[in-house]
Amino acid sequence: MSAAPASLPSSVAELRAAAMPAADYPVLPFGISEIDARLGAGGLRTGALHEATAGSASLVDEAAATLFLAGIAARQAAAAGGPVLWASCRSDLYPPALAQAGLPSASVIFAQPADDAALLAVVEDAVRDGTPSAIVAEANRVSMVATRRLQLVAAEAGLPVLLLRRRRGRDQDPFAEPSAAWTRWKISTAASERLEVAGVGRGRWLVELTRQRSGASFSLIVEGSDETGRLAVPAGLGHRTAETVGAVHSAAA
């Protein structure tokens, strides 16, 4: 019988640790009660895999999903005091936009692997190395087995792995594929606030949590990430925003 790969969990204890409730682990709150109160332990579990995808194939929704994860990574970097690794096989990332969401280039290590397989290997190595405070990875295709591995190494290291699932086609939903991620988010753009003078208000997003372990799905409209990576509830809507949009009814594996 061949020996088990070194990259797999070495004990039953590690498997149990990866599956324990988020309440037993540090969390990163959004700082918005309408979101944090609906998450398992008042925020995102830091030692876990979290996924996001665009609500549609439009470029503006892709940008919103990217900046949503950038904001989470920025807040984790500020809390943990380390750099963020951003891994992508594409060359269309726009660093000034990341800076507007709280991630200046000086705080980001950019990696551009040749393909998704190499990207996942880079992410696993970076998690085990422990240098980044958070990891953002963009991928087109990630198997269930790969997400299990990412969830296990993230739980072992206590480090958030944020996976941006890119669409392979206009009508293809990345969340149709099963995943071991702790949470799965769909991000779409929404109409911005009307201003009293000519100009464009702070961007708004429809944030849909389509799946979380041991919790319900929900959706609400928020103002996009600011220069500190924080979201906000539109002042004119307040708590009624979450109540109006309500729960997400789409199925997620």
C-alpha atoms as a PDB file:
ATOM      1  CA  MET A   1       0.000   0.000   0.000  1.00  0.00           C
ATOM      2  CA  SER A   2       1.403   3.412  -0.940  1.00  0.00           C
ATOM      3  CA  ALA A   3       1.976   6.072   1.706  1.00  0.00           C
ATOM      4  CA  ALA A   4      -0.490   8.930   2.029  1.00  0.00           C
ATOM      5  CA  PRO A   5       0.604  12.186   0.331  1.00  0.00           C
ATOM      6  CA  ALA A   6       2.305  14.572   2.737  1.00  0.00           C
ATOM      7  CA  SER A   7      -0.089  17.331   1.737  1.00  0.00           C
ATOM      8  CA  LEU A   8      -3.111  15.486   3.145  1.00  0.00           C
ATOM      9  CA  PRO A   9      -4.201  15.867   6.789  1.00  0.00           C
ATOM     10  CA  SER A  10      -1.930  13.824   9.045  1.00  0.00           C
ATOM     11  CA  SER A  11      -4.482  13.003  11.708  1.00  0.00           C
ATOM     12  CA  VAL A  12      -8.167  12.696  12.463  1.00  0.00           C
ATOM     13  CA  ALA A  13      -7.718  15.706  14.743  1.00  0.00           C
ATOM     14  CA  GLU A  14      -6.939  17.906  11.735  1.00  0.00           C
ATOM     15  CA  LEU A  15     -10.067  16.702   9.957  1.00  0.00           C
ATOM     16  CA  ARG A  16     -12.156  17.457  13.028  1.00  0.00           C
ATOM     17  CA  ALA A  17     -10.557  20.892  13.360  1.00  0.00           C
ATOM     18  CA  ALA A  18     -11.494  21.785   9.793  1.00  0.00           C
ATOM     19  CA  ALA A  19     -15.114  20.807  10.415  1.00  0.00           C
ATOM     20  CA  MET A  20     -15.640  22.447  13.818  1.00  0.00           C
ATOM     21  CA  PRO A  21     -18.164  25.293  14.109  1.00  0.00           C
ATOM     22  CA  ALA A  22     -16.961  28.783  13.206  1.00  0.00           C
ATOM     23  CA  ALA A  23     -17.830  29.909  16.747  1.00  0.00           C
ATOM     24  CA  ASP A  24     -14.724  28.064  17.969  1.00  0.00           C
ATOM     25  CA  TYR A  25     -12.414  30.118  15.749  1.00  0.00           C
ATOM     26  CA  PRO A  26     -11.362  33.757  15.319  1.00  0.00           C
ATOM     27  CA  VAL A  27     -13.583  35.662  12.929  1.00  0.00           C
ATOM     28  CA  LEU A  28     -13.228  38.819  10.857  1.00  0.00           C
ATOM     29  CA  PRO A  29     -16.376  40.924  11.230  1.00  0.00           C
ATOM     30  CA  PHE A  30     -17.674  43.131   8.447  1.00  0.00           C
ATOM     31  CA  GLY A  31     -18.583  45.765  11.004  1.00  0.00           C
ATOM     32  CA  ILE A  32     -22.158  45.827   9.694  1.00  0.00           C
ATOM     33  CA  SER A  33     -24.750  44.307  11.995  1.00  0.00           C
ATOM     34  CA  GLU A  34     -27.016  43.405   9.069  1.00  0.00           C
ATOM     35  CA  ILE A  35     -24.272  41.046   7.838  1.00  0.00           C
ATOM     36  CA  ASP A  36     -22.427  40.009  11.000  1.00  0.00           C
ATOM     37  CA  ALA A  37     -25.624  39.063  12.863  1.00  0.00           C
ATOM     38  CA  ARG A  38     -26.474  36.620  10.059  1.00  0.00           C
ATOM     39  CA  LEU A  39     -23.074  34.941   9.982  1.00  0.00           C
ATOM     40  CA  GLY A  40     -22.313  31.974  12.211  1.00  0.00           C
ATOM     41  CA  ALA A  41     -20.024  33.668  14.740  1.00  0.00           C
ATOM     42  CA  GLY A  42     -20.491  37.349  14.028  1.00  0.00           C
ATOM     43  CA  GLY A  43     -18.151  37.487  11.035  1.00  0.00           C
ATOM     44  CA  LEU A  44     -16.155  35.443   8.541  1.00  0.00           C
ATOM     45  CA  ARG A  45     -14.189  32.541   9.952  1.00  0.00           C
ATOM     46  CA  THR A  46     -10.543  33.456   9.316  1.00  0.00           C
ATOM     47  CA  GLY A  47      -9.260  29.886   8.984  1.00  0.00           C
ATOM     48  CA  ALA A  48     -11.476  28.920   6.074  1.00  0.00           C
ATOM     49  CA  LEU A  49     -12.047  28.985   2.338  1.00  0.00           C
ATOM     50  CA  HIS A  50     -14.523  31.627   1.170  1.00  0.00           C
ATOM     51  CA  GLU A  51     -15.696  31.968  -2.439  1.00  0.00           C
ATOM     52  CA  ALA A  52     -17.167  34.828  -4.432  1.00  0.00           C
ATOM     53  CA  THR A  53     -18.346  35.157  -8.003  1.00  0.00           C
ATOM     54  CA  ALA A  54     -19.954  37.835 -10.135  1.00  0.00           C
ATOM     55  CA  GLY A  55     -23.735  37.865 -10.289  1.00  0.00           C
ATOM     56  CA  SER A  56     -23.558  38.009 -14.089  1.00  0.00           C
ATOM     57  CA  ALA A  57     -21.006  37.873 -16.896  1.00  0.00           C
ATOM     58  CA  SER A  58     -20.816  41.682 -17.068  1.00  0.00           C
ATOM     59  CA  LEU A  59     -17.472  43.357 -16.448  1.00  0.00           C
ATOM     60  CA  VAL A  60     -18.950  45.640 -13.780  1.00  0.00           C
ATOM     61  CA  ASP A  61     -20.166  42.651 -11.772  1.00  0.00           C
ATOM     62  CA  GLU A  62     -16.759  40.981 -12.171  1.00  0.00           C
ATOM     63  CA  ALA A  63     -15.151  44.155 -10.848  1.00  0.00           C
ATOM     64  CA  ALA A  64     -17.558  44.290  -7.906  1.00  0.00           C
ATOM     65  CA  ALA A  65     -16.801  40.685  -6.929  1.00  0.00           C
ATOM     66  CA  THR A  66     -13.063  41.385  -7.175  1.00  0.00           C
ATOM     67  CA  LEU A  67     -13.304  44.476  -4.961  1.00  0.00           C
ATOM     68  CA  PHE A  68     -15.539  42.646  -2.472  1.00  0.00           C
ATOM     69  CA  LEU A  69     -12.755  40.139  -1.823  1.00  0.00           C
ATOM     70  CA  ALA A  70     -10.128  42.885  -1.919  1.00  0.00           C
ATOM     71  CA  GLY A  71     -11.950  44.645   0.905  1.00  0.00           C
ATOM     72  CA  ILE A  72     -12.027  41.488   3.038  1.00  0.00           C
ATOM     73  CA  ALA A  73      -8.319  40.899   2.391  1.00  0.00           C
ATOM     74  CA  ALA A  74      -7.511  44.520   3.236  1.00  0.00           C
ATOM     75  CA  ARG A  75      -9.275  44.326   6.598  1.00  0.00           C
ATOM     76  CA  GLN A  76      -7.585  41.033   7.434  1.00  0.00           C
ATOM     77  CA  ALA A  77      -4.182  42.475   6.484  1.00  0.00           C
ATOM     78  CA  ALA A  78      -4.802  45.477   8.719  1.00  0.00           C
ATOM     79  CA  ALA A  79      -5.773  43.190  11.606  1.00  0.00           C
ATOM     80  CA  ALA A  80      -2.975  40.644  11.144  1.00  0.00           C
ATOM     81  CA  GLY A  81      -0.227  43.009  10.010  1.00  0.00           C
ATOM     82  CA  GLY A  82       0.968  41.011   6.994  1.00  0.00           C
ATOM     83  CA  PRO A  83       0.886  41.221   3.192  1.00  0.00           C
ATOM     84  CA  VAL A  84      -1.814  39.795   0.933  1.00  0.00           C
ATOM     85  CA  LEU A  85      -0.966  37.255  -1.763  1.00  0.00           C
ATOM     86  CA  TRP A  86      -3.004  37.778  -4.933  1.00  0.00           C
ATOM     87  CA  ALA A  87      -2.682  34.858  -7.373  1.00  0.00           C
ATOM     88  CA  SER A  88      -4.199  34.960 -10.849  1.00  0.00           C
ATOM     89  CA  CYS A  89      -3.452  33.376 -14.210  1.00  0.00           C
ATOM     90  CA  ARG A  90      -4.772  36.515 -15.922  1.00  0.00           C
ATOM     91  CA  SER A  91      -3.119  39.871 -16.476  1.00  0.00           C
ATOM     92  CA  ASP A  92      -6.197  42.124 -16.231  1.00  0.00           C
ATOM     93  CA  LEU A  93      -5.904  43.064 -12.556  1.00  0.00           C
ATOM     94  CA  TYR A  94      -5.894  46.845 -12.006  1.00  0.00           C
ATOM     95  CA  PRO A  95      -3.834  47.676  -8.875  1.00  0.00           C
ATOM     96  CA  PRO A  96      -5.139  51.286  -8.482  1.00  0.00           C
ATOM     97  CA  ALA A  97      -8.666  49.884  -8.075  1.00  0.00           C
ATOM     98  CA  LEU A  98      -7.426  47.512  -5.366  1.00  0.00           C
ATOM     99  CA  ALA A  99      -5.844  50.497  -3.607  1.00  0.00           C
ATOM    100  CA  GLN A 100      -9.230  52.231  -3.538  1.00  0.00           C
ATOM    101  CA  ALA A 101     -10.568  49.142  -1.725  1.00  0.00           C
ATOM    102  CA  GLY A 102      -7.808  49.275   0.892  1.00  0.00           C
ATOM    103  CA  LEU A 103      -5.093  47.218  -0.835  1.00  0.00           C
ATOM    104  CA  PRO A 104      -2.191  49.400  -2.030  1.00  0.00           C
ATOM    105  CA  SER A 105       0.385  47.630  -4.211  1.00  0.00           C
ATOM    106  CA  ALA A 106       2.979  47.851  -1.425  1.00  0.00           C
ATOM    107  CA  SER A 107       0.797  45.523   0.662  1.00  0.00           C
ATOM    108  CA  VAL A 108       0.225  42.918  -2.073  1.00  0.00           C
ATOM    109  CA  ILE A 109       2.398  40.102  -3.401  1.00  0.00           C
ATOM    110  CA  PHE A 110       1.249  39.411  -6.962  1.00  0.00           C
ATOM    111  CA  ALA A 111       1.677  35.921  -8.434  1.00  0.00           C
ATOM    112  CA  GLN A 112       0.789  34.851 -11.987  1.00  0.00           C
ATOM    113  CA  PRO A 113       0.943  31.048 -12.328  1.00  0.00           C
ATOM    114  CA  ALA A 114       0.644  29.415 -15.746  1.00  0.00           C
ATOM    115  CA  ASP A 115      -2.680  27.649 -15.116  1.00  0.00           C
ATOM    116  CA  ASP A 116      -5.256  26.808 -12.449  1.00  0.00           C
ATOM    117  CA  ALA A 117      -3.348  23.708 -11.310  1.00  0.00           C
ATOM    118  CA  ALA A 118      -0.189  25.734 -10.707  1.00  0.00           C
ATOM    119  CA  LEU A 119      -2.268  28.449  -9.040  1.00  0.00           C
ATOM    120  CA  LEU A 120      -3.715  26.022  -6.495  1.00  0.00           C
ATOM    121  CA  ALA A 121      -0.218  24.708  -5.749  1.00  0.00           C
ATOM    122  CA  VAL A 122       1.013  28.265  -5.161  1.00  0.00           C
ATOM    123  CA  VAL A 123      -1.887  28.936  -2.794  1.00  0.00           C
ATOM    124  CA  GLU A 124      -1.272  25.769  -0.757  1.00  0.00           C
ATOM    125  CA  ASP A 125       2.450  26.532  -0.488  1.00  0.00           C
ATOM    126  CA  ALA A 126       1.736  30.117   0.588  1.00  0.00           C
ATOM    127  CA  VAL A 127      -0.733  28.991   3.261  1.00  0.00           C
ATOM    128  CA  ARG A 128       1.785  26.568   4.714  1.00  0.00           C
ATOM    129  CA  ASP A 129       4.577  29.155   4.515  1.00  0.00           C
ATOM    130  CA  GLY A 130       2.497  31.515   6.665  1.00  0.00           C
ATOM    131  CA  THR A 131       3.856  34.778   5.232  1.00  0.00           C
ATOM    132  CA  PRO A 132       0.561  36.220   3.880  1.00  0.00           C
ATOM    133  CA  SER A 133      -2.162  37.412   6.218  1.00  0.00           C
ATOM    134  CA  ALA A 134      -4.735  36.514   3.561  1.00  0.00           C
ATOM    135  CA  ILE A 135      -4.735  34.959   0.100  1.00  0.00           C
ATOM    136  CA  VAL A 136      -6.903  35.903  -2.860  1.00  0.00           C
ATOM    137  CA  ALA A 137      -6.897  33.500  -5.801  1.00  0.00           C
ATOM    138  CA  GLU A 138      -8.702  33.835  -9.132  1.00  0.00           C
ATOM    139  CA  ALA A 139      -9.561  30.584 -10.900  1.00  0.00           C
ATOM    140  CA  ASN A 140     -11.849  29.367 -13.678  1.00  0.00           C
ATOM    141  CA  ARG A 141     -12.142  25.717 -12.678  1.00  0.00           C
ATOM    142  CA  VAL A 142     -11.638  24.263  -9.195  1.00  0.00           C
ATOM    143  CA  SER A 143     -12.654  20.713  -8.343  1.00  0.00           C
ATOM    144  CA  MET A 144     -14.425  19.644  -5.176  1.00  0.00           C
ATOM    145  CA  VAL A 145     -11.261  17.799  -4.128  1.00  0.00           C
ATOM    146  CA  ALA A 146      -9.202  20.972  -4.579  1.00  0.00           C
ATOM    147  CA  THR A 147     -11.612  23.038  -2.459  1.00  0.00           C
ATOM    148  CA  ARG A 148     -11.450  20.417   0.292  1.00  0.00           C
ATOM    149  CA  ARG A 149      -7.670  20.689   0.297  1.00  0.00           C
ATOM    150  CA  LEU A 150      -7.841  24.480   0.446  1.00  0.00           C
ATOM    151  CA  GLN A 151     -10.370  24.366   3.284  1.00  0.00           C
ATOM    152  CA  LEU A 152      -8.184  21.951   5.251  1.00  0.00           C
ATOM    153  CA  VAL A 153      -4.950  23.925   4.876  1.00  0.00           C
ATOM    154  CA  ALA A 154      -6.754  27.210   5.609  1.00  0.00           C
ATOM    155  CA  ALA A 155      -8.251  25.740   8.796  1.00  0.00           C
ATOM    156  CA  GLU A 156      -4.897  24.327   9.878  1.00  0.00           C
ATOM    157  CA  ALA A 157      -3.118  27.670   9.357  1.00  0.00           C
ATOM    158  CA  GLY A 158      -5.952  29.894  10.625  1.00  0.00           C
ATOM    159  CA  LEU A 159      -5.634  31.950   7.454  1.00  0.00           C
ATOM    160  CA  PRO A 160      -8.429  33.066   5.116  1.00  0.00           C
ATOM    161  CA  VAL A 161      -8.276  31.839   1.531  1.00  0.00           C
ATOM    162  CA  LEU A 162     -10.543  33.930  -0.703  1.00  0.00           C
ATOM    163  CA  LEU A 163     -11.342  32.298  -4.031  1.00  0.00           C
ATOM    164  CA  LEU A 164     -12.729  34.374  -6.885  1.00  0.00           C
ATOM    165  CA  ARG A 165     -14.543  31.967  -9.199  1.00  0.00           C
ATOM    166  CA  ARG A 166     -14.352  33.409 -12.735  1.00  0.00           C
ATOM    167  CA  ARG A 167     -16.985  32.499 -15.325  1.00  0.00           C
ATOM    168  CA  ARG A 168     -15.872  30.278 -18.216  1.00  0.00           C
ATOM    169  CA  GLY A 169     -18.883  31.335 -20.313  1.00  0.00           C
ATOM    170  CA  ARG A 170     -21.687  33.889 -20.297  1.00  0.00           C
ATOM    171  CA  ASP A 171     -24.320  31.357 -19.223  1.00  0.00           C
ATOM    172  CA  GLN A 172     -22.072  29.331 -16.918  1.00  0.00           C
ATOM    173  CA  ASP A 173     -22.593  29.740 -13.173  1.00  0.00           C
ATOM    174  CA  PRO A 174     -19.400  28.846 -11.259  1.00  0.00           C
ATOM    175  CA  PHE A 175     -21.499  27.998  -8.205  1.00  0.00           C
ATOM    176  CA  ALA A 176     -23.187  25.186 -10.119  1.00  0.00           C
ATOM    177  CA  GLU A 177     -20.038  23.239  -9.241  1.00  0.00           C
ATOM    178  CA  PRO A 178     -19.872  21.748  -5.705  1.00  0.00           C
ATOM    179  CA  SER A 179     -17.417  23.196  -3.216  1.00  0.00           C
ATOM    180  CA  ALA A 180     -16.198  22.701   0.339  1.00  0.00           C
ATOM    181  CA  ALA A 181     -16.010  26.474   0.893  1.00  0.00           C
ATOM    182  CA  TRP A 182     -17.257  27.808   4.231  1.00  0.00           C
ATOM    183  CA  THR A 183     -19.197  30.602   2.523  1.00  0.00           C
ATOM    184  CA  ARG A 184     -20.149  31.398  -1.094  1.00  0.00           C
ATOM    185  CA  TRP A 185     -21.043  34.937  -2.205  1.00  0.00           C
ATOM    186  CA  LYS A 186     -22.515  36.409  -5.381  1.00  0.00           C
ATOM    187  CA  ILE A 187     -21.823  40.076  -5.976  1.00  0.00           C
ATOM    188  CA  SER A 188     -23.688  42.311  -8.442  1.00  0.00           C
ATOM    189  CA  THR A 189     -23.751  46.043  -9.009  1.00  0.00           C
ATOM    190  CA  ALA A 190     -26.803  48.074  -7.954  1.00  0.00           C
ATOM    191  CA  ALA A 191     -27.938  51.602  -8.737  1.00  0.00           C
ATOM    192  CA  SER A 192     -25.855  54.192  -6.869  1.00  0.00           C
ATOM    193  CA  GLU A 193     -27.279  56.959  -4.727  1.00  0.00           C
ATOM    194  CA  ARG A 194     -28.743  59.989  -6.478  1.00  0.00           C
ATOM    195  CA  LEU A 195     -26.703  63.094  -5.723  1.00  0.00           C
ATOM    196  CA  GLU A 196     -27.989  66.630  -5.368  1.00  0.00           C
ATOM    197  CA  VAL A 197     -25.257  67.798  -7.741  1.00  0.00           C
ATOM    198  CA  ALA A 198     -23.882  66.326 -10.965  1.00  0.00           C
ATOM    199  CA  GLY A 199     -21.699  63.325 -10.260  1.00  0.00           C
ATOM    200  CA  VAL A 200     -21.651  59.670  -9.318  1.00  0.00           C
ATOM    201  CA  GLY A 201     -22.361  58.483  -5.769  1.00  0.00           C
ATOM    202  CA  ARG A 202     -20.565  55.687  -3.944  1.00  0.00           C
ATOM    203  CA  GLY A 203     -21.064  52.427  -5.768  1.00  0.00           C
ATOM    204  CA  ARG A 204     -23.645  49.988  -4.435  1.00  0.00           C
ATOM    205  CA  TRP A 205     -23.620  46.212  -4.613  1.00  0.00           C
ATOM    206  CA  LEU A 206     -26.209  43.487  -4.216  1.00  0.00           C
ATOM    207  CA  VAL A 207     -24.437  41.036  -1.905  1.00  0.00           C
ATOM    208  CA  GLU A 208     -25.910  37.525  -1.851  1.00  0.00           C
ATOM    209  CA  LEU A 209     -24.643  34.899   0.569  1.00  0.00           C
ATOM    210  CA  THR A 210     -25.809  31.800  -1.275  1.00  0.00           C
ATOM    211  CA  ARG A 211     -24.345  29.356   1.216  1.00  0.00           C
ATOM    212  CA  GLN A 212     -22.788  29.257   4.661  1.00  0.00           C
ATOM    213  CA  ARG A 213     -22.147  26.268   6.884  1.00  0.00           C
ATOM    214  CA  SER A 214     -24.592  26.084   9.781  1.00  0.00           C
ATOM    215  CA  GLY A 215     -26.408  29.210   8.685  1.00  0.00           C
ATOM    216  CA  ALA A 216     -29.042  30.614   6.353  1.00  0.00           C
ATOM    217  CA  SER A 217     -28.530  32.412   3.080  1.00  0.00           C
ATOM    218  CA  PHE A 218     -29.438  36.072   2.694  1.00  0.00           C
ATOM    219  CA  SER A 219     -28.947  39.093   0.462  1.00  0.00           C
ATOM    220  CA  LEU A 220     -28.807  42.847   0.908  1.00  0.00           C
ATOM    221  CA  ILE A 221     -27.693  46.036  -0.783  1.00  0.00           C
ATOM    222  CA  VAL A 222     -24.548  47.714   0.529  1.00  0.00           C
ATOM    223  CA  GLU A 223     -22.195  50.485  -0.443  1.00  0.00           C
ATOM    224  CA  GLY A 224     -18.974  49.090  -1.935  1.00  0.00           C
ATOM    225  CA  SER A 225     -15.577  48.822  -0.260  1.00  0.00           C
ATOM    226  CA  ASP A 226     -14.021  52.128   0.778  1.00  0.00           C
ATOM    227  CA  GLU A 227     -10.301  52.930   1.146  1.00  0.00           C
ATOM    228  CA  THR A 228     -10.177  50.838   4.336  1.00  0.00           C
ATOM    229  CA  GLY A 229     -11.915  47.835   2.772  1.00  0.00           C
ATOM    230  CA  ARG A 230     -15.171  48.419   4.643  1.00  0.00           C
ATOM    231  CA  LEU A 231     -18.697  48.130   3.308  1.00  0.00           C
ATOM    232  CA  ALA A 232     -21.584  50.288   4.522  1.00  0.00           C
ATOM    233  CA  VAL A 233     -25.353  50.130   4.632  1.00  0.00           C
ATOM    234  CA  PRO A 234     -26.851  53.009   2.575  1.00  0.00           C
ATOM    235  CA  ALA A 235     -27.872  55.727   5.033  1.00  0.00           C
ATOM    236  CA  GLY A 236     -31.324  56.213   3.529  1.00  0.00           C
ATOM    237  CA  LEU A 237     -32.177  52.519   3.825  1.00  0.00           C
ATOM    238  CA  GLY A 238     -30.601  51.356   7.079  1.00  0.00           C
ATOM    239  CA  HIS A 239     -31.785  48.063   8.519  1.00  0.00           C
ATOM    240  CA  ARG A 240     -34.695  47.934   6.080  1.00  0.00           C
ATOM    241  CA  THR A 241     -32.209  47.093   3.302  1.00  0.00           C
ATOM    242  CA  ALA A 242     -31.614  43.556   4.518  1.00  0.00           C
ATOM    243  CA  GLU A 243     -35.253  43.005   5.352  1.00  0.00           C
ATOM    244  CA  THR A 244     -36.433  44.176   1.936  1.00  0.00           C
ATOM    245  CA  VAL A 245     -34.064  42.049  -0.104  1.00  0.00           C
ATOM    246  CA  GLY A 246     -34.544  39.024   2.138  1.00  0.00           C
ATOM    247  CA  ALA A 247     -33.233  35.495   1.805  1.00  0.00           C
ATOM    248  CA  VAL A 248     -31.581  33.930  -1.205  1.00  0.00           C
ATOM    249  CA  HIS A 249     -33.591  31.024  -2.541  1.00  0.00           C
ATOM    250  CA  SER A 250     -31.183  29.730  -5.199  1.00  0.00           C
ATOM    251  CA  ALA A 251     -29.649  26.354  -4.455  1.00  0.00           C
ATOM    252  CA  ALA A 252     -25.932  26.070  -3.755  1.00  0.00           C
ATOM    253  CA  ALA A 253     -23.902  22.917  -3.320  1.00  0.00           C
END
